[in-house]
């Protein structure tokens, strides 16, 4: 599997493969026609409650956030499997507006897809 994480604000590149937005909210300052998306996986994003809870204290809540988000994803097994199937056949890039993609839901999602 070839899965990358990239900020949606970064320049699109042919090496991105399929570009999938994994944020629940549309990123500020990006026009839909400029995003060059192949999909928007809203079903695989953290719930609003979890997202808001996590953003209150990202550093302290990272470990628990990973567990809670993984539990939420377990309920979205079909959507998760569809994205995993795509990742097995094509290169994909998970796009997020998160400033720290390494401590974001995109990182958790990437690791779950690779399992």
N, C-alpha and C. Protein backbone atom coordinates (compact mmCIF):
# COMPACT_ATOMS: atom_id res chain seq x y z
N UNK A 1 0.83 -1.19 0.00
CA UNK A 1 0.00 0.00 0.00
C UNK A 1 0.86 1.24 0.00
N UNK A 2 0.44 2.20 -0.77
CA UNK A 2 1.15 3.47 -0.83
C UNK A 2 0.17 4.58 -0.44
N UNK A 3 0.21 4.94 0.85
CA UNK A 3 -0.69 5.95 1.39
C UNK A 3 0.14 7.10 1.95
N UNK A 4 -0.17 8.31 1.52
CA UNK A 4 0.50 9.50 2.03
C UNK A 4 -0.54 10.38 2.71
N UNK A 5 -0.05 11.27 3.55
CA UNK A 5 -0.88 12.31 4.15
C UNK A 5 -0.30 13.65 3.70
N UNK A 6 -1.19 14.54 3.36
CA UNK A 6 -0.74 15.84 2.85
C UNK A 6 -1.76 16.89 3.27
N UNK A 7 -1.28 18.09 3.51
CA UNK A 7 -2.21 19.18 3.77
C UNK A 7 -2.87 19.59 2.46
N UNK A 8 -4.14 19.87 2.52
CA UNK A 8 -4.86 20.24 1.31
C UNK A 8 -4.34 21.56 0.74
N UNK A 9 -3.69 22.35 1.56
CA UNK A 9 -3.14 23.63 1.12
C UNK A 9 -1.85 23.47 0.32
N UNK A 10 -1.25 22.28 0.37
CA UNK A 10 -0.04 22.02 -0.41
C UNK A 10 -0.40 21.79 -1.87
N UNK A 11 0.54 22.07 -2.73
CA UNK A 11 0.34 21.92 -4.17
C UNK A 11 0.03 20.48 -4.54
N UNK A 12 -0.98 20.29 -5.39
CA UNK A 12 -1.28 18.95 -5.91
C UNK A 12 -0.13 18.50 -6.79
N UNK A 13 0.11 17.19 -6.79
CA UNK A 13 1.22 16.63 -7.53
C UNK A 13 0.76 15.33 -8.18
N UNK A 14 1.30 15.01 -9.34
CA UNK A 14 0.94 13.77 -10.02
C UNK A 14 1.27 12.55 -9.16
N UNK A 15 2.26 12.67 -8.29
CA UNK A 15 2.66 11.57 -7.41
C UNK A 15 1.65 11.32 -6.29
N UNK A 16 0.66 12.21 -6.14
CA UNK A 16 -0.35 12.03 -5.09
C UNK A 16 -1.24 10.82 -5.34
N UNK A 17 -1.41 10.44 -6.57
CA UNK A 17 -2.37 9.38 -6.87
C UNK A 17 -3.78 9.91 -6.65
N UNK A 18 -4.65 9.07 -6.11
CA UNK A 18 -6.02 9.50 -5.80
C UNK A 18 -5.98 10.41 -4.58
N UNK A 19 -6.59 11.57 -4.70
CA UNK A 19 -6.59 12.57 -3.62
C UNK A 19 -7.94 12.52 -2.91
N UNK A 20 -7.91 12.14 -1.63
CA UNK A 20 -9.13 11.96 -0.84
C UNK A 20 -9.11 12.91 0.35
N UNK A 21 -10.10 13.79 0.40
CA UNK A 21 -10.23 14.69 1.55
C UNK A 21 -10.82 13.90 2.71
N UNK A 22 -10.18 13.99 3.88
CA UNK A 22 -10.64 13.23 5.04
C UNK A 22 -11.02 14.16 6.20
N UNK A 23 -11.46 15.36 5.88
CA UNK A 23 -11.96 16.31 6.87
C UNK A 23 -13.48 16.38 6.77
N UNK A 24 -14.14 16.56 7.90
CA UNK A 24 -15.59 16.69 7.91
C UNK A 24 -16.02 18.04 7.34
N UNK A 25 -15.27 19.08 7.66
CA UNK A 25 -15.59 20.43 7.22
C UNK A 25 -14.74 20.79 6.00
N UNK A 26 -15.32 21.55 5.10
CA UNK A 26 -14.56 22.00 3.93
C UNK A 26 -13.47 22.96 4.40
N UNK A 27 -12.24 22.81 3.94
CA UNK A 27 -11.13 23.67 4.39
C UNK A 27 -11.30 25.11 3.92
N UNK A 28 -11.01 26.02 4.82
CA UNK A 28 -11.12 27.45 4.52
C UNK A 28 -10.14 27.85 3.43
N UNK A 29 -10.61 28.73 2.57
CA UNK A 29 -9.73 29.32 1.57
C UNK A 29 -9.47 28.45 0.35
N UNK A 30 -10.10 27.30 0.27
CA UNK A 30 -9.89 26.40 -0.87
C UNK A 30 -11.18 26.36 -1.69
N UNK A 31 -11.07 26.64 -2.96
CA UNK A 31 -12.22 26.52 -3.85
C UNK A 31 -12.35 25.06 -4.26
N UNK A 32 -13.57 24.58 -4.32
CA UNK A 32 -13.78 23.17 -4.66
C UNK A 32 -13.18 22.81 -6.00
N UNK A 33 -13.27 23.72 -6.96
CA UNK A 33 -12.72 23.42 -8.29
C UNK A 33 -11.18 23.41 -8.29
N UNK A 34 -10.56 24.02 -7.28
CA UNK A 34 -9.10 24.05 -7.20
C UNK A 34 -8.52 22.90 -6.37
N UNK A 35 -9.35 22.18 -5.66
CA UNK A 35 -8.88 21.15 -4.73
C UNK A 35 -8.35 19.90 -5.43
N UNK A 36 -8.79 19.65 -6.65
CA UNK A 36 -8.36 18.47 -7.42
C UNK A 36 -8.57 17.18 -6.63
N UNK A 37 -9.80 17.01 -6.13
CA UNK A 37 -10.13 15.83 -5.33
C UNK A 37 -10.67 14.70 -6.18
N UNK A 38 -10.40 13.49 -5.71
CA UNK A 38 -11.00 12.31 -6.30
C UNK A 38 -12.09 11.75 -5.39
N UNK A 39 -12.17 12.29 -4.18
CA UNK A 39 -13.19 11.85 -3.24
C UNK A 39 -13.14 12.64 -1.96
N UNK A 40 -14.25 12.57 -1.22
CA UNK A 40 -14.35 13.23 0.08
C UNK A 40 -14.96 12.22 1.02
N UNK A 41 -14.16 11.68 1.92
CA UNK A 41 -14.57 10.58 2.81
C UNK A 41 -15.14 11.13 4.12
N UNK A 42 -16.28 11.81 4.04
CA UNK A 42 -16.90 12.39 5.24
C UNK A 42 -17.26 11.31 6.26
N UNK A 43 -17.66 10.15 5.80
CA UNK A 43 -18.07 9.08 6.71
C UNK A 43 -16.92 8.59 7.59
N UNK A 44 -15.69 8.85 7.17
CA UNK A 44 -14.52 8.36 7.91
C UNK A 44 -13.86 9.45 8.76
N UNK A 45 -14.55 10.55 8.97
CA UNK A 45 -14.00 11.63 9.78
C UNK A 45 -14.49 11.50 11.22
N UNK A 46 -13.76 12.07 12.16
CA UNK A 46 -14.23 12.02 13.56
C UNK A 46 -15.57 12.74 13.70
N UNK A 47 -16.38 12.27 14.64
CA UNK A 47 -17.64 12.95 14.92
C UNK A 47 -17.35 14.38 15.37
N UNK A 48 -18.34 15.25 15.23
CA UNK A 48 -18.16 16.63 15.68
C UNK A 48 -17.81 16.68 17.16
N UNK A 49 -18.44 15.83 17.96
CA UNK A 49 -18.18 15.82 19.40
C UNK A 49 -16.73 15.45 19.69
N UNK A 50 -16.25 14.40 19.02
CA UNK A 50 -14.87 13.97 19.24
C UNK A 50 -13.87 15.02 18.73
N UNK A 51 -14.16 15.58 17.58
CA UNK A 51 -13.28 16.60 17.01
C UNK A 51 -13.16 17.81 17.94
N UNK A 52 -14.28 18.28 18.43
CA UNK A 52 -14.27 19.45 19.33
C UNK A 52 -13.57 19.12 20.64
N UNK A 53 -13.84 17.94 21.20
CA UNK A 53 -13.19 17.52 22.45
C UNK A 53 -11.67 17.48 22.27
N UNK A 54 -11.21 16.88 21.18
CA UNK A 54 -9.78 16.75 20.92
C UNK A 54 -9.10 18.10 20.76
N UNK A 55 -9.72 19.02 20.06
CA UNK A 55 -9.10 20.31 19.80
C UNK A 55 -9.02 21.21 21.02
N UNK A 56 -9.66 20.83 22.11
CA UNK A 56 -9.54 21.61 23.35
C UNK A 56 -8.16 21.44 23.98
N UNK A 57 -7.51 20.30 23.75
CA UNK A 57 -6.18 20.04 24.31
C UNK A 57 -5.51 18.93 23.53
N UNK A 58 -5.02 19.27 22.35
CA UNK A 58 -4.45 18.29 21.43
C UNK A 58 -3.31 17.49 22.06
N UNK A 59 -2.40 18.14 22.72
CA UNK A 59 -1.23 17.43 23.27
C UNK A 59 -1.62 16.42 24.34
N UNK A 60 -2.50 16.81 25.24
CA UNK A 60 -2.87 15.93 26.35
C UNK A 60 -3.85 14.83 25.94
N UNK A 61 -4.61 15.06 24.89
CA UNK A 61 -5.67 14.12 24.53
C UNK A 61 -5.33 13.24 23.34
N UNK A 62 -4.14 13.34 22.81
CA UNK A 62 -3.76 12.59 21.60
C UNK A 62 -3.94 11.09 21.77
N UNK A 63 -3.44 10.54 22.84
CA UNK A 63 -3.50 9.09 23.04
C UNK A 63 -4.95 8.60 23.12
N UNK A 64 -5.75 9.26 23.93
CA UNK A 64 -7.15 8.86 24.06
C UNK A 64 -7.93 9.12 22.77
N UNK A 65 -7.59 10.22 22.07
CA UNK A 65 -8.25 10.52 20.80
C UNK A 65 -8.06 9.37 19.81
N UNK A 66 -6.86 8.83 19.72
CA UNK A 66 -6.59 7.73 18.79
C UNK A 66 -7.50 6.54 19.07
N UNK A 67 -7.66 6.21 20.34
CA UNK A 67 -8.51 5.07 20.72
C UNK A 67 -9.97 5.36 20.41
N UNK A 68 -10.44 6.56 20.74
CA UNK A 68 -11.84 6.89 20.53
C UNK A 68 -12.17 6.98 19.03
N UNK A 69 -11.25 7.52 18.27
CA UNK A 69 -11.47 7.63 16.83
C UNK A 69 -11.46 6.25 16.17
N UNK A 70 -10.56 5.39 16.60
CA UNK A 70 -10.52 4.02 16.06
C UNK A 70 -11.84 3.30 16.36
N UNK A 71 -12.41 3.55 17.53
CA UNK A 71 -13.70 2.94 17.87
C UNK A 71 -14.80 3.48 16.97
N UNK A 72 -14.76 4.78 16.68
CA UNK A 72 -15.75 5.35 15.76
C UNK A 72 -15.60 4.74 14.36
N UNK A 73 -14.37 4.57 13.92
CA UNK A 73 -14.13 3.99 12.60
C UNK A 73 -14.62 2.56 12.49
N UNK A 74 -14.57 1.83 13.59
CA UNK A 74 -15.04 0.45 13.59
C UNK A 74 -16.51 0.38 13.19
N UNK A 75 -17.26 1.42 13.52
CA UNK A 75 -18.68 1.47 13.17
C UNK A 75 -18.88 1.81 11.69
N UNK A 76 -17.85 2.28 11.04
CA UNK A 76 -17.90 2.63 9.62
C UNK A 76 -17.14 1.61 8.79
N UNK A 77 -17.26 0.36 9.13
CA UNK A 77 -16.45 -0.69 8.54
C UNK A 77 -16.55 -0.74 7.01
N UNK A 78 -17.75 -0.55 6.47
CA UNK A 78 -17.91 -0.64 5.02
C UNK A 78 -17.15 0.48 4.30
N UNK A 79 -17.28 1.71 4.79
CA UNK A 79 -16.57 2.84 4.17
C UNK A 79 -15.07 2.68 4.34
N UNK A 80 -14.65 2.19 5.50
CA UNK A 80 -13.22 1.96 5.75
C UNK A 80 -12.69 0.89 4.79
N UNK A 81 -13.45 -0.17 4.60
CA UNK A 81 -13.01 -1.24 3.71
C UNK A 81 -12.94 -0.76 2.27
N UNK A 82 -13.86 0.08 1.85
CA UNK A 82 -13.83 0.62 0.48
C UNK A 82 -12.56 1.43 0.25
N UNK A 83 -12.19 2.25 1.25
CA UNK A 83 -10.98 3.05 1.10
C UNK A 83 -9.74 2.15 1.16
N UNK A 84 -9.77 1.12 1.99
CA UNK A 84 -8.66 0.17 2.07
C UNK A 84 -8.49 -0.55 0.73
N UNK A 85 -9.60 -0.95 0.12
CA UNK A 85 -9.55 -1.62 -1.19
C UNK A 85 -8.94 -0.70 -2.24
N UNK A 86 -9.33 0.58 -2.22
CA UNK A 86 -8.76 1.54 -3.16
C UNK A 86 -7.26 1.67 -2.93
N UNK A 87 -6.85 1.74 -1.67
CA UNK A 87 -5.43 1.89 -1.33
C UNK A 87 -4.61 0.67 -1.74
N UNK A 88 -5.25 -0.49 -1.82
CA UNK A 88 -4.52 -1.69 -2.23
C UNK A 88 -4.29 -1.73 -3.73
N UNK A 89 -5.12 -1.01 -4.47
CA UNK A 89 -4.98 -1.05 -5.92
C UNK A 89 -4.35 0.21 -6.50
N UNK A 90 -4.37 1.31 -5.74
CA UNK A 90 -3.83 2.58 -6.25
C UNK A 90 -3.12 3.35 -5.14
N UNK A 91 -2.27 4.25 -5.55
CA UNK A 91 -1.63 5.17 -4.62
C UNK A 91 -2.68 6.18 -4.20
N UNK A 92 -2.77 6.47 -2.89
CA UNK A 92 -3.72 7.48 -2.43
C UNK A 92 -3.03 8.48 -1.51
N UNK A 93 -3.58 9.67 -1.49
CA UNK A 93 -3.13 10.71 -0.58
C UNK A 93 -4.33 11.18 0.22
N UNK A 94 -4.21 11.08 1.54
CA UNK A 94 -5.24 11.57 2.44
C UNK A 94 -4.99 13.05 2.67
N UNK A 95 -5.97 13.86 2.37
CA UNK A 95 -5.81 15.31 2.49
C UNK A 95 -6.54 15.84 3.72
N UNK A 96 -5.87 16.71 4.44
CA UNK A 96 -6.44 17.32 5.63
C UNK A 96 -6.00 18.77 5.73
N UNK A 97 -6.80 19.56 6.42
CA UNK A 97 -6.43 20.96 6.69
C UNK A 97 -5.66 21.08 8.00
N UNK A 98 -5.53 19.99 8.74
CA UNK A 98 -4.86 20.01 10.04
C UNK A 98 -3.44 20.55 9.91
N UNK A 99 -3.07 21.43 10.83
CA UNK A 99 -1.73 22.02 10.81
C UNK A 99 -0.66 20.99 11.11
N UNK A 100 -0.96 20.05 12.01
CA UNK A 100 -0.03 18.99 12.36
C UNK A 100 -0.62 17.66 11.92
N UNK A 101 -0.38 17.30 10.68
CA UNK A 101 -0.97 16.08 10.12
C UNK A 101 -0.51 14.83 10.86
N UNK A 102 0.65 14.89 11.51
CA UNK A 102 1.17 13.74 12.26
C UNK A 102 0.42 13.47 13.54
N UNK A 103 -0.33 14.45 14.03
CA UNK A 103 -1.16 14.27 15.23
C UNK A 103 -2.59 14.62 14.87
N UNK A 104 -3.04 14.04 13.80
CA UNK A 104 -4.40 14.30 13.34
C UNK A 104 -5.11 12.99 13.07
N UNK A 105 -6.38 13.08 12.83
CA UNK A 105 -7.18 11.91 12.50
C UNK A 105 -6.67 11.24 11.22
N UNK A 106 -6.07 12.02 10.31
CA UNK A 106 -5.55 11.46 9.06
C UNK A 106 -4.45 10.44 9.35
N UNK A 107 -3.63 10.70 10.36
CA UNK A 107 -2.57 9.77 10.73
C UNK A 107 -3.16 8.48 11.29
N UNK A 108 -4.17 8.60 12.14
CA UNK A 108 -4.84 7.41 12.70
C UNK A 108 -5.49 6.61 11.57
N UNK A 109 -6.18 7.30 10.69
CA UNK A 109 -6.84 6.64 9.56
C UNK A 109 -5.83 5.91 8.68
N UNK A 110 -4.73 6.55 8.40
CA UNK A 110 -3.68 5.94 7.57
C UNK A 110 -3.19 4.64 8.19
N UNK A 111 -2.92 4.66 9.49
CA UNK A 111 -2.42 3.45 10.16
C UNK A 111 -3.46 2.34 10.16
N UNK A 112 -4.73 2.69 10.32
CA UNK A 112 -5.78 1.67 10.29
C UNK A 112 -5.94 1.08 8.88
N UNK A 113 -5.80 1.90 7.87
CA UNK A 113 -5.89 1.40 6.50
C UNK A 113 -4.75 0.44 6.19
N UNK A 114 -3.60 0.70 6.76
CA UNK A 114 -2.41 -0.12 6.47
C UNK A 114 -2.41 -1.45 7.23
N UNK A 115 -3.30 -1.62 8.19
CA UNK A 115 -3.35 -2.88 8.96
C UNK A 115 -3.93 -4.00 8.13
